[in-house]
Each structure stands twice: as C-alpha cells, then as structure tokens.
Protein backbone atom coordinates (compact mmCIF):
# COMPACT_ATOMS: atom_id res chain seq x y z
CA UNK A 1 27.17 65.14 -9.63
CA UNK A 2 24.11 65.31 -11.82
CA UNK A 3 20.77 64.96 -10.05
CA UNK A 4 18.56 63.17 -12.57
CA UNK A 5 15.27 61.45 -11.79
CA UNK A 6 13.04 59.38 -14.06
CA UNK A 7 9.30 58.86 -13.82
CA UNK A 8 7.54 56.31 -16.02
CA UNK A 9 3.92 55.37 -16.69
CA UNK A 10 4.90 52.41 -18.87
CA UNK A 11 4.42 54.28 -22.15
CA UNK A 12 6.63 57.30 -21.61
CA UNK A 13 9.42 58.14 -19.17
CA UNK A 14 9.98 61.74 -18.07
CA UNK A 15 13.54 62.65 -17.12
CA UNK A 16 14.06 65.60 -14.76
CA UNK A 17 17.48 67.19 -14.30
CA UNK A 18 17.21 69.48 -11.27
CA UNK A 19 20.36 71.50 -11.96
CA UNK A 20 19.00 72.67 -15.33
CA UNK A 21 15.62 73.79 -13.98
CA UNK A 22 15.00 77.56 -14.15
CA UNK A 23 11.57 77.30 -12.45
CA UNK A 24 9.65 78.85 -15.35
CA UNK A 25 6.53 76.98 -14.16
CA UNK A 26 5.61 76.11 -17.77
CA UNK A 27 5.15 72.47 -16.78
CA UNK A 28 2.91 73.34 -13.83
CA UNK A 29 0.80 75.77 -15.88
CA UNK A 30 0.44 73.39 -18.84
CA UNK A 31 -0.20 70.16 -16.93
CA UNK A 32 -0.95 70.71 -13.22
CA UNK A 33 -2.32 67.16 -12.91
CA UNK A 34 1.20 65.79 -13.44
CA UNK A 35 3.59 68.55 -12.35
CA UNK A 36 2.81 69.28 -8.70
CA UNK A 37 5.71 71.06 -6.96
CA UNK A 38 4.18 70.71 -3.49
CA UNK A 39 3.95 66.91 -3.79
CA UNK A 40 6.71 64.32 -3.35
CA UNK A 41 7.50 63.05 -5.87
CA UNK A 42 6.57 66.26 -7.64
CA UNK A 43 5.95 64.51 -10.96
CA UNK A 44 2.74 62.48 -10.67
CA UNK A 45 3.22 60.59 -13.93
CA UNK A 46 -0.23 58.97 -13.90
CA UNK A 47 -1.99 62.34 -13.75
CA UNK A 48 -2.71 62.69 -17.47
CA UNK A 49 -2.25 61.05 -20.85
CA UNK A 50 1.17 60.27 -22.30
CA UNK A 51 0.40 62.61 -25.22
CA UNK A 52 -0.32 65.54 -22.87
CA UNK A 53 2.82 64.78 -20.85
CA UNK A 54 4.99 64.76 -23.99
CA UNK A 55 3.39 67.99 -25.21
CA UNK A 56 4.12 69.64 -21.84
CA UNK A 57 7.72 68.39 -21.60
CA UNK A 58 8.48 69.75 -25.08
CA UNK A 59 7.61 73.25 -23.79
CA UNK A 60 10.30 73.19 -21.09
CA UNK A 61 12.55 76.21 -21.87
CA UNK A 62 15.59 75.02 -19.89
CA UNK A 63 15.80 71.42 -21.03
CA UNK A 64 15.45 70.25 -17.42
CA UNK A 65 12.58 68.02 -18.55
CA UNK A 66 12.99 65.50 -21.33
CA UNK A 67 11.30 62.24 -22.21
CA UNK A 68 11.68 59.00 -24.05
CA UNK A 69 9.07 56.54 -25.17
CA UNK A 70 9.27 53.06 -23.74
CA UNK A 71 9.29 50.08 -26.05
CA UNK A 72 5.98 48.26 -25.98
CA UNK A 73 6.32 44.77 -24.56
C-alpha cells in the first residue's frame, strides 16, 4: 500500500510519498522553514511562500515530493 500524504496552504499542495524518499535532505537544506523532519507533521506548509515551496519540491531527486497548484476560488 502506498503511503501518500498531502499538505496544502490553499495555493499549493505538496504530496509526499514516503516509500520513494531516499533521504537526500535536499528539501531540508533548501527550505528548513517548511521541511522539518523532527516535527509532526514534518511538512510545515505555512513556513514559507508557495513559490519557495515549489522551487524546493522541484529539487527532490527521488520524486518522493511533488506538488500541484490549487484552483483559486
């Protein structure tokens, strides 16, 4: 079974697939305000701008992190 979690700030939703994660720490290094492995949940989606979150997610080497933009209401 796939373990997939979604975190949304209203503008963007980050999707995390645990089984794909290779723990490169790119997300933590690039955006420590959002990606906080010692916290639960470990993705604190309100920690930085949507643009910075998208930029960070795009650097994920394993594809464990992805995102989609939410439709404005």
